[in-house]
Amino acid sequence: MPADRLLPSTEAEDLLALAREIAREELAPHAASYEEAGRFPREQFRLLGKSGLLGLPYPQRWGGGDVSYEVYLQVLEEIASAWMSVGVGLSVHTMSCFALAHHGTDEQRQRWLPAMLEGQLLGAYALSEAHAGSDAAALSTRARRDGDAYVVNGTKAWITHGGEADFYTTMVRTSDDGADGISCLLVDGATPGLSAAAPERKMGLTGSTTAQLIFDDARVSADRLLGAEGEGLRIALAALSSGRLGIAACSVGLAQAALDEAVAYAKGRTQFGQPIIEFQGVEFLLADMAAAIEPARAMYLDAARRRDRGLPFHRQASIAKLVATDAAMKVTTDAVQVLGGAGYTRDFPVERYMREAKVPQIFEGTNQIQRVVIARELRRSRE
């Protein structure tokens, strides 16, 4: 059943109704077949763009929806509950627009942001490298200034939408000053010298392309530098805090879908003359699933409301990401258990949900890194 929400306005209620309709009519019917084939859902992203859902938390001045994060994340949850790959893709696209929206000049925003927010261009976020994942400051992709351009060499790893995106918000090294030597470039996906490796062969989210990006003397115009040289890592980490809320919302949506499927099955499956939902072993399992989802949703909403009010929210974002992704892993696993042998087959979606639930515990900062962030914030609060 749909999540029970307390929305701040009738406009927000209408927006959620639109998201639910699109999720139900345009996304859910295609999810299984696309995931089975490993097919990238580009036409679905175009639909989200035409529907105004690709730029919700950004200003109308640049083509966005001027929607609060509190509302945007609930829209994102609805999308992910129908199709996790599309929900994660929407979250990544939103995060990829962050650097330009918050650190670009007005001229840069006017030039590129409307097409990004209105869905004409699909984005990707290129920070990680093979030897610079959790330790983002160790990245080595190099951008050397050459006249009116940067010449970029190196390889980015684990890039969602790698080879599919129209633009890449890319962190590069412009000096050897450690964390202060990283800068942010808005790289056109058609840049000569930029290519994508073969997509990774993943356990889940197979409809969401993940690939290495290879820069081989790729020339990127210097007017695509976002912020000043040396500000790239700070820009990247600020975007990640918001991105972690997106992953939390997606994970809650996935968990809700698993619970809904498990409840429907338990109502319809009869053993010993009664529906299995009436057996205490099953109903307690379902109750625990619901009890994991509700606080996870509350956590991401609390962090979003802090963000909307301009309050510090980085610790709360890490807590929300940690709690929501762990909850999704547990709930999807328990959903397979409720369905028994049927849950282990591809005739029901819960086995796919369980496979999809694993990677949110890893990307946007592993859950071990979230614990580091939370502990660091706690130490600072005592100083």
Protein backbone atom coordinates (compact mmCIF):
# COMPACT_ATOMS: atom_id res chain seq x y z
CA MET A 1 0.00 0.00 0.00
CA PRO A 2 1.22 3.58 -0.53
CA ALA A 3 3.25 5.11 2.26
CA ASP A 4 1.22 7.21 4.70
CA ARG A 5 2.66 10.72 4.32
CA LEU A 6 2.23 14.07 6.04
CA LEU A 7 2.88 16.53 3.23
CA PRO A 8 3.29 20.29 3.73
CA SER A 9 0.85 21.53 1.05
CA THR A 10 -1.77 20.56 -1.49
CA GLU A 11 0.82 21.27 -4.21
CA ALA A 12 3.08 18.64 -2.65
CA GLU A 13 0.18 16.19 -2.51
CA ASP A 14 -0.48 16.75 -6.23
CA LEU A 15 3.20 16.23 -7.03
CA LEU A 16 3.31 12.96 -5.09
CA ALA A 17 0.15 11.83 -6.85
CA LEU A 18 1.82 12.53 -10.21
CA ALA A 19 4.93 10.62 -9.15
CA ARG A 20 2.83 7.64 -8.03
CA GLU A 21 0.93 7.62 -11.31
CA ILE A 22 4.13 7.66 -13.36
CA ALA A 23 5.68 5.01 -11.13
CA ARG A 24 2.63 2.77 -11.44
CA GLU A 25 1.85 3.25 -15.12
CA GLU A 26 5.18 3.99 -16.80
CA LEU A 27 7.92 2.48 -14.64
CA ALA A 28 6.77 -0.61 -12.76
CA PRO A 29 5.48 -2.48 -15.85
CA HIS A 30 8.93 -2.32 -17.49
CA ALA A 31 11.28 -2.80 -14.55
CA ALA A 32 11.64 -6.59 -14.59
CA SER A 33 12.20 -6.93 -18.34
CA TYR A 34 14.72 -4.08 -18.49
CA GLU A 35 16.63 -5.44 -15.50
CA GLU A 36 16.62 -8.94 -16.99
CA ALA A 37 18.06 -7.60 -20.26
CA GLY A 38 20.43 -5.10 -18.62
CA ARG A 39 18.77 -2.36 -20.69
CA PHE A 40 19.37 1.27 -19.77
CA PRO A 41 16.04 3.13 -19.22
CA ARG A 42 16.89 6.30 -21.14
CA GLU A 43 13.34 6.84 -22.40
CA GLN A 44 12.06 6.70 -18.82
CA PHE A 45 14.50 9.44 -17.82
CA ARG A 46 13.23 11.53 -20.74
CA LEU A 47 9.70 11.02 -19.45
CA LEU A 48 10.72 12.15 -15.96
CA GLY A 49 12.29 15.23 -17.54
CA LYS A 50 9.17 16.07 -19.51
CA SER A 51 7.13 15.60 -16.34
CA GLY A 52 9.30 18.07 -14.44
CA LEU A 53 10.78 15.50 -12.04
CA LEU A 54 14.48 15.73 -12.97
CA GLY A 55 15.13 19.14 -11.45
CA LEU A 56 12.77 19.31 -8.48
CA PRO A 57 15.03 20.74 -5.72
CA TYR A 58 16.55 23.49 -7.91
CA PRO A 59 15.30 27.04 -8.65
CA GLN A 60 12.63 27.70 -11.25
CA ARG A 61 14.89 30.42 -12.63
CA TRP A 62 17.09 27.73 -14.13
CA GLY A 63 14.33 25.27 -15.07
CA GLY A 64 13.92 23.50 -11.73
CA GLY A 65 10.87 22.91 -9.61
CA ASP A 66 11.71 24.97 -6.50
CA VAL A 67 10.63 21.99 -4.40
CA SER A 68 11.91 21.44 -0.87
CA TYR A 69 14.19 18.50 -0.21
CA GLU A 70 11.55 17.12 2.13
CA VAL A 71 9.15 16.78 -0.80
CA TYR A 72 11.73 15.89 -3.46
CA LEU A 73 12.96 12.90 -1.45
CA GLN A 74 9.44 11.55 -1.06
CA VAL A 75 8.97 11.78 -4.82
CA LEU A 76 12.25 9.93 -5.20
CA GLU A 77 11.06 7.23 -2.80
CA GLU A 78 7.95 6.68 -4.91
CA ILE A 79 10.03 6.35 -8.08
CA ALA A 80 12.46 3.89 -6.46
CA SER A 81 9.63 1.78 -5.07
CA ALA A 82 8.57 1.10 -8.67
CA TRP A 83 12.04 0.77 -10.20
CA MET A 84 15.22 1.10 -8.16
CA SER A 85 17.52 1.72 -11.13
CA VAL A 86 15.46 4.73 -12.17
CA GLY A 87 15.28 6.03 -8.61
CA VAL A 88 19.04 5.76 -8.16
CA GLY A 89 19.54 7.37 -11.57
CA LEU A 90 17.32 10.29 -10.62
CA SER A 91 19.28 10.72 -7.38
CA VAL A 92 22.61 10.62 -9.23
CA HIS A 93 21.40 13.11 -11.84
CA THR A 94 20.24 15.49 -9.09
CA MET A 95 23.61 15.19 -7.36
CA SER A 96 25.41 15.75 -10.66
CA CYS A 97 23.63 19.10 -11.05
CA PHE A 98 24.69 20.25 -7.57
CA ALA A 99 28.11 21.66 -8.43
CA LEU A 100 26.84 23.83 -11.27
CA ALA A 101 23.73 24.96 -9.39
CA HIS A 102 25.61 25.93 -6.21
CA HIS A 103 29.12 26.82 -7.40
CA GLY A 104 28.77 27.85 -11.04
CA THR A 105 28.62 31.45 -12.21
CA ASP A 106 25.34 32.89 -13.44
CA GLU A 107 26.73 32.69 -16.97
CA GLN A 108 27.53 28.99 -16.55
CA ARG A 109 24.13 28.27 -15.04
CA GLN A 110 22.31 30.09 -17.81
CA ARG A 111 24.30 28.20 -20.43
CA TRP A 112 23.95 24.62 -19.16
CA LEU A 113 21.62 24.24 -16.19
CA PRO A 114 18.19 24.56 -17.87
CA ALA A 115 18.88 21.66 -20.24
CA MET A 116 20.08 19.57 -17.30
CA LEU A 117 17.10 20.31 -15.06
CA GLU A 118 14.51 20.00 -17.82
CA GLY A 119 15.77 16.55 -18.78
CA GLN A 120 17.39 17.27 -22.13
CA LEU A 121 20.74 16.23 -20.66
CA LEU A 122 21.34 13.33 -18.29
CA GLY A 123 24.19 13.62 -15.79
CA ALA A 124 26.74 11.51 -13.96
CA TYR A 125 29.02 12.16 -11.00
CA ALA A 126 32.66 11.20 -11.49
CA LEU A 127 34.63 11.18 -8.23
CA SER A 128 35.74 7.62 -7.49
CA GLU A 129 38.80 5.92 -8.94
CA ALA A 130 40.15 2.40 -8.60
CA HIS A 131 42.48 3.48 -5.78
CA ALA A 132 40.45 6.45 -4.54
CA GLY A 133 37.06 5.30 -3.34
CA SER A 134 36.53 5.98 0.35
CA ASP A 135 39.76 8.02 0.26
CA ALA A 136 38.54 10.52 -2.33
CA ALA A 137 41.46 12.91 -1.69
CA ALA A 138 43.80 10.29 -3.18
CA LEU A 139 42.37 10.66 -6.69
CA SER A 140 44.95 10.94 -9.46
CA THR A 141 43.08 11.85 -12.66
CA ARG A 142 45.10 14.85 -13.83
CA ALA A 143 43.92 18.04 -15.53
CA ARG A 144 46.78 20.16 -16.94
CA ARG A 145 46.03 23.71 -18.05
CA ASP A 146 46.91 24.29 -21.70
CA GLY A 147 45.84 27.71 -22.93
CA ASP A 148 42.05 27.97 -22.83
CA ALA A 149 41.53 24.32 -21.94
CA TYR A 150 42.41 21.58 -19.49
CA VAL A 151 43.96 18.41 -20.86
CA VAL A 152 42.63 15.53 -18.76
CA ASN A 153 44.22 12.09 -18.35
CA GLY A 154 43.21 9.27 -16.02
CA THR A 155 40.47 6.78 -15.27
CA LYS A 156 37.36 7.15 -13.14
CA ALA A 157 35.71 4.05 -11.69
CA TRP A 158 32.22 2.92 -10.69
CA ILE A 159 30.48 5.74 -12.56
CA THR A 160 26.70 5.44 -12.61
CA HIS A 161 25.51 6.30 -16.16
CA GLY A 162 29.10 5.86 -17.39
CA GLY A 163 28.96 5.92 -21.20
CA GLU A 164 25.29 6.92 -21.15
CA ALA A 165 25.41 10.41 -19.62
CA ASP A 166 25.49 13.68 -21.54
CA PHE A 167 27.66 15.38 -18.92
CA TYR A 168 29.98 14.33 -16.11
CA THR A 169 30.59 16.40 -13.01
CA THR A 170 34.21 15.34 -12.68
CA MET A 171 36.76 15.79 -9.91
CA VAL A 172 40.32 16.11 -11.21
CA ARG A 173 43.73 16.89 -9.80
CA THR A 174 45.05 20.29 -10.89
CA SER A 175 47.97 20.44 -8.43
CA ASP A 176 49.85 18.21 -6.01
CA ASP A 177 48.47 19.97 -2.90
CA GLY A 178 46.62 16.90 -1.62
CA ALA A 179 42.96 17.60 -0.89
CA ASP A 180 43.50 21.24 -1.89
CA GLY A 181 44.73 20.23 -5.33
CA ILE A 182 41.39 18.90 -6.59
CA SER A 183 39.11 20.86 -8.93
CA CYS A 184 35.71 20.30 -10.51
CA LEU A 185 35.09 20.22 -14.26
CA LEU A 186 31.75 19.94 -16.04
CA VAL A 187 32.74 17.58 -18.84
CA ASP A 188 30.64 17.17 -21.98
CA GLY A 189 29.94 13.49 -22.62
CA ALA A 190 30.92 13.91 -26.28
CA THR A 191 34.39 15.32 -25.49
CA PRO A 192 37.05 13.82 -27.81
CA GLY A 193 39.41 11.68 -25.78
CA LEU A 194 36.69 10.63 -23.33
CA SER A 195 35.41 7.06 -23.55
CA ALA A 196 33.73 4.47 -21.35
CA ALA A 197 34.90 0.95 -20.68
CA ALA A 198 32.56 -2.03 -20.91
CA PRO A 199 29.83 -1.86 -18.24
CA GLU A 200 30.47 -3.66 -14.96
CA ARG A 201 28.74 -7.03 -14.58
CA LYS A 202 26.77 -6.42 -11.43
CA MET A 203 24.67 -8.48 -9.05
CA GLY A 204 21.80 -6.00 -9.11
CA LEU A 205 20.69 -2.68 -10.62
CA THR A 206 21.53 -4.22 -13.97
CA GLY A 207 19.44 -1.64 -15.79
CA SER A 208 21.67 1.10 -14.38
CA THR A 209 24.90 1.22 -16.37
CA THR A 210 28.06 1.43 -14.26
CA ALA A 211 31.39 1.80 -16.04
CA GLN A 212 34.88 3.25 -15.93
CA LEU A 213 35.49 6.58 -17.66
CA ILE A 214 38.78 6.88 -19.52
CA PHE A 215 40.32 10.29 -20.20
CA ASP A 216 43.07 10.19 -22.85
CA ASP A 217 44.27 13.74 -23.55
CA ALA A 218 40.64 14.89 -23.37
CA ARG A 219 40.50 18.67 -23.87
CA VAL A 220 37.93 20.36 -21.64
CA SER A 221 37.32 24.07 -22.11
CA ALA A 222 38.54 26.12 -19.14
CA ASP A 223 35.13 27.80 -18.93
CA ARG A 224 33.83 24.45 -17.66
CA LEU A 225 35.71 24.82 -14.37
CA LEU A 226 33.12 25.05 -11.56
CA GLY A 227 34.28 27.13 -8.62
CA ALA A 228 37.96 27.94 -8.29
CA GLU A 229 40.87 25.57 -8.71
CA GLY A 230 41.39 23.65 -5.49
CA GLU A 231 37.74 23.76 -4.40
CA GLY A 232 36.74 20.48 -6.04
CA LEU A 233 36.85 18.18 -3.05
CA ARG A 234 34.78 20.55 -0.90
CA ILE A 235 32.23 20.78 -3.71
CA ALA A 236 32.22 16.99 -4.07
CA LEU A 237 31.68 16.32 -0.38
CA ALA A 238 28.89 18.89 -0.13
CA ALA A 239 27.12 17.19 -3.02
CA LEU A 240 27.59 13.80 -1.38
CA SER A 241 25.79 14.87 1.79
CA SER A 242 22.69 15.64 -0.26
CA GLY A 243 23.24 12.58 -2.44
CA ARG A 244 23.26 10.33 0.62
CA LEU A 245 19.75 11.50 1.42
CA GLY A 246 18.75 10.49 -2.09
CA ILE A 247 20.11 7.00 -1.58
CA ALA A 248 18.34 6.79 1.79
CA ALA A 249 15.03 7.68 0.15
CA CYS A 250 15.59 5.16 -2.66
CA SER A 251 16.40 2.45 -0.11
CA VAL A 252 13.21 3.16 1.82
CA GLY A 253 11.25 2.94 -1.43
CA LEU A 254 12.83 -0.41 -2.23
CA ALA A 255 12.09 -1.72 1.26
CA GLN A 256 8.48 -0.51 1.03
CA ALA A 257 8.04 -2.33 -2.28
CA ALA A 258 9.40 -5.52 -0.71
CA LEU A 259 7.06 -5.22 2.27
CA ASP A 260 4.06 -4.59 0.04
CA GLU A 261 4.89 -7.66 -2.05
CA ALA A 262 5.37 -9.80 1.06
CA VAL A 263 2.08 -8.69 2.62
CA ALA A 264 0.15 -9.35 -0.60
CA TYR A 265 1.67 -12.82 -0.90
CA ALA A 266 1.05 -13.67 2.76
CA LYS A 267 -2.61 -12.71 2.41
CA GLY A 268 -3.06 -14.89 -0.65
CA ARG A 269 -0.97 -17.93 0.28
CA THR A 270 -2.95 -20.54 2.23
CA GLN A 271 -1.46 -23.29 4.40
CA PHE A 272 -3.23 -25.53 6.91
CA GLY A 273 -6.52 -23.95 5.90
CA GLN A 274 -5.67 -20.30 6.53
CA PRO A 275 -3.65 -17.44 4.99
CA ILE A 276 -0.06 -17.55 6.19
CA ILE A 277 -0.31 -13.92 7.33
CA GLU A 278 -2.38 -15.25 10.25
CA PHE A 279 0.53 -17.32 11.54
CA GLN A 280 2.49 -15.53 14.23
CA GLY A 281 5.86 -16.43 12.73
CA VAL A 282 4.92 -14.63 9.51
CA GLU A 283 3.00 -11.70 10.99
CA PHE A 284 5.85 -10.90 13.39
CA LEU A 285 8.29 -10.97 10.48
CA LEU A 286 6.10 -8.54 8.55
CA ALA A 287 5.71 -6.33 11.63
CA ASP A 288 9.48 -6.15 12.04
CA MET A 289 9.83 -5.18 8.37
CA ALA A 290 7.37 -2.31 8.84
CA ALA A 291 9.14 -1.28 12.03
CA ALA A 292 12.43 -1.02 10.11
CA ILE A 293 10.96 1.08 7.30
CA GLU A 294 9.16 3.74 9.36
CA PRO A 295 12.19 5.02 11.33
CA ALA A 296 14.33 4.95 8.18
CA ARG A 297 11.80 7.20 6.47
CA ALA A 298 11.65 9.45 9.51
CA MET A 299 15.45 9.77 9.53
CA TYR A 300 15.77 10.96 5.95
CA LEU A 301 12.86 13.36 6.40
CA ASP A 302 14.44 14.84 9.54
CA ALA A 303 17.72 15.42 7.71
CA ALA A 304 15.88 16.91 4.72
CA ARG A 305 13.97 19.35 6.90
CA ARG A 306 17.23 20.47 8.48
CA ARG A 307 18.71 20.99 5.03
CA ASP A 308 15.65 22.97 3.91
CA ARG A 309 16.03 25.30 6.91
CA GLY A 310 19.73 25.88 6.30
CA LEU A 311 20.74 23.94 9.41
CA PRO A 312 23.69 21.52 9.62
CA PHE A 313 22.55 18.12 8.38
CA HIS A 314 25.70 16.18 7.44
CA ARG A 315 25.60 13.89 10.49
CA GLN A 316 21.89 13.30 10.05
CA ALA A 317 22.43 12.52 6.35
CA SER A 318 25.01 9.88 7.21
CA ILE A 319 22.72 8.40 9.86
CA ALA A 320 19.82 8.33 7.40
CA LYS A 321 21.92 6.63 4.74
CA LEU A 322 23.24 4.09 7.22
CA VAL A 323 19.86 3.28 8.77
CA ALA A 324 17.89 3.21 5.51
CA THR A 325 20.29 1.04 3.53
CA ASP A 326 20.73 -1.46 6.35
CA ALA A 327 16.95 -1.57 6.73
CA ALA A 328 16.49 -2.21 3.00
CA MET A 329 18.93 -5.12 3.10
CA LYS A 330 17.11 -6.69 6.06
CA VAL A 331 13.60 -6.07 4.77
CA THR A 332 14.27 -7.42 1.27
CA THR A 333 15.94 -10.52 2.72
CA ASP A 334 12.97 -11.10 5.01
CA ALA A 335 10.58 -10.61 2.08
CA VAL A 336 12.27 -13.51 0.30
CA GLN A 337 11.78 -15.56 3.48
CA VAL A 338 8.07 -14.75 3.61
CA LEU A 339 7.62 -15.97 0.04
CA GLY A 340 9.69 -19.08 0.74
CA GLY A 341 10.77 -21.00 -2.36
CA ALA A 342 8.74 -18.65 -4.56
CA GLY A 343 10.77 -15.73 -3.26
CA TYR A 344 13.94 -17.34 -4.54
CA THR A 345 12.64 -17.43 -8.11
CA ARG A 346 12.41 -14.69 -10.69
CA ASP A 347 8.67 -15.22 -10.92
CA PHE A 348 8.40 -12.72 -8.05
CA PRO A 349 10.31 -9.44 -7.73
CA VAL A 350 11.60 -9.90 -4.19
CA GLU A 351 14.73 -11.79 -5.26
CA ARG A 352 15.62 -8.79 -7.45
CA TYR A 353 14.86 -6.42 -4.59
CA MET A 354 17.27 -8.35 -2.36
CA ARG A 355 20.04 -8.14 -4.98
CA GLU A 356 19.39 -4.44 -5.48
CA ALA A 357 19.47 -3.70 -1.75
CA LYS A 358 23.12 -4.63 -1.34
CA VAL A 359 24.84 -1.88 -3.30
CA PRO A 360 23.25 1.10 -1.45
CA GLN A 361 25.22 -0.07 1.58
CA ILE A 362 28.35 0.50 -0.54
CA PHE A 363 27.96 3.52 -2.83
CA GLU A 364 27.78 7.22 -1.86
CA GLY A 365 30.22 6.26 0.90
CA THR A 366 30.15 2.78 2.42
CA ASN A 367 28.22 2.33 5.63
CA GLN A 368 31.55 1.95 7.40
CA ILE A 369 32.49 5.42 6.15
CA GLN A 370 29.12 6.73 7.38
CA ARG A 371 30.07 5.54 10.86
CA VAL A 372 33.38 7.43 10.54
CA VAL A 373 31.50 10.60 9.54
CA ILE A 374 29.01 10.24 12.40
CA ALA A 375 31.75 9.62 14.97
CA ARG A 376 33.78 12.57 13.70
CA GLU A 377 30.77 14.85 14.04
CA LEU A 378 30.21 13.59 17.58
CA ARG A 379 33.82 14.32 18.50
CA ARG A 380 33.54 17.84 17.12
CA SER A 381 30.35 18.46 19.09
CA ARG A 382 32.33 17.94 22.33
CA GLU A 383 35.18 20.31 21.41
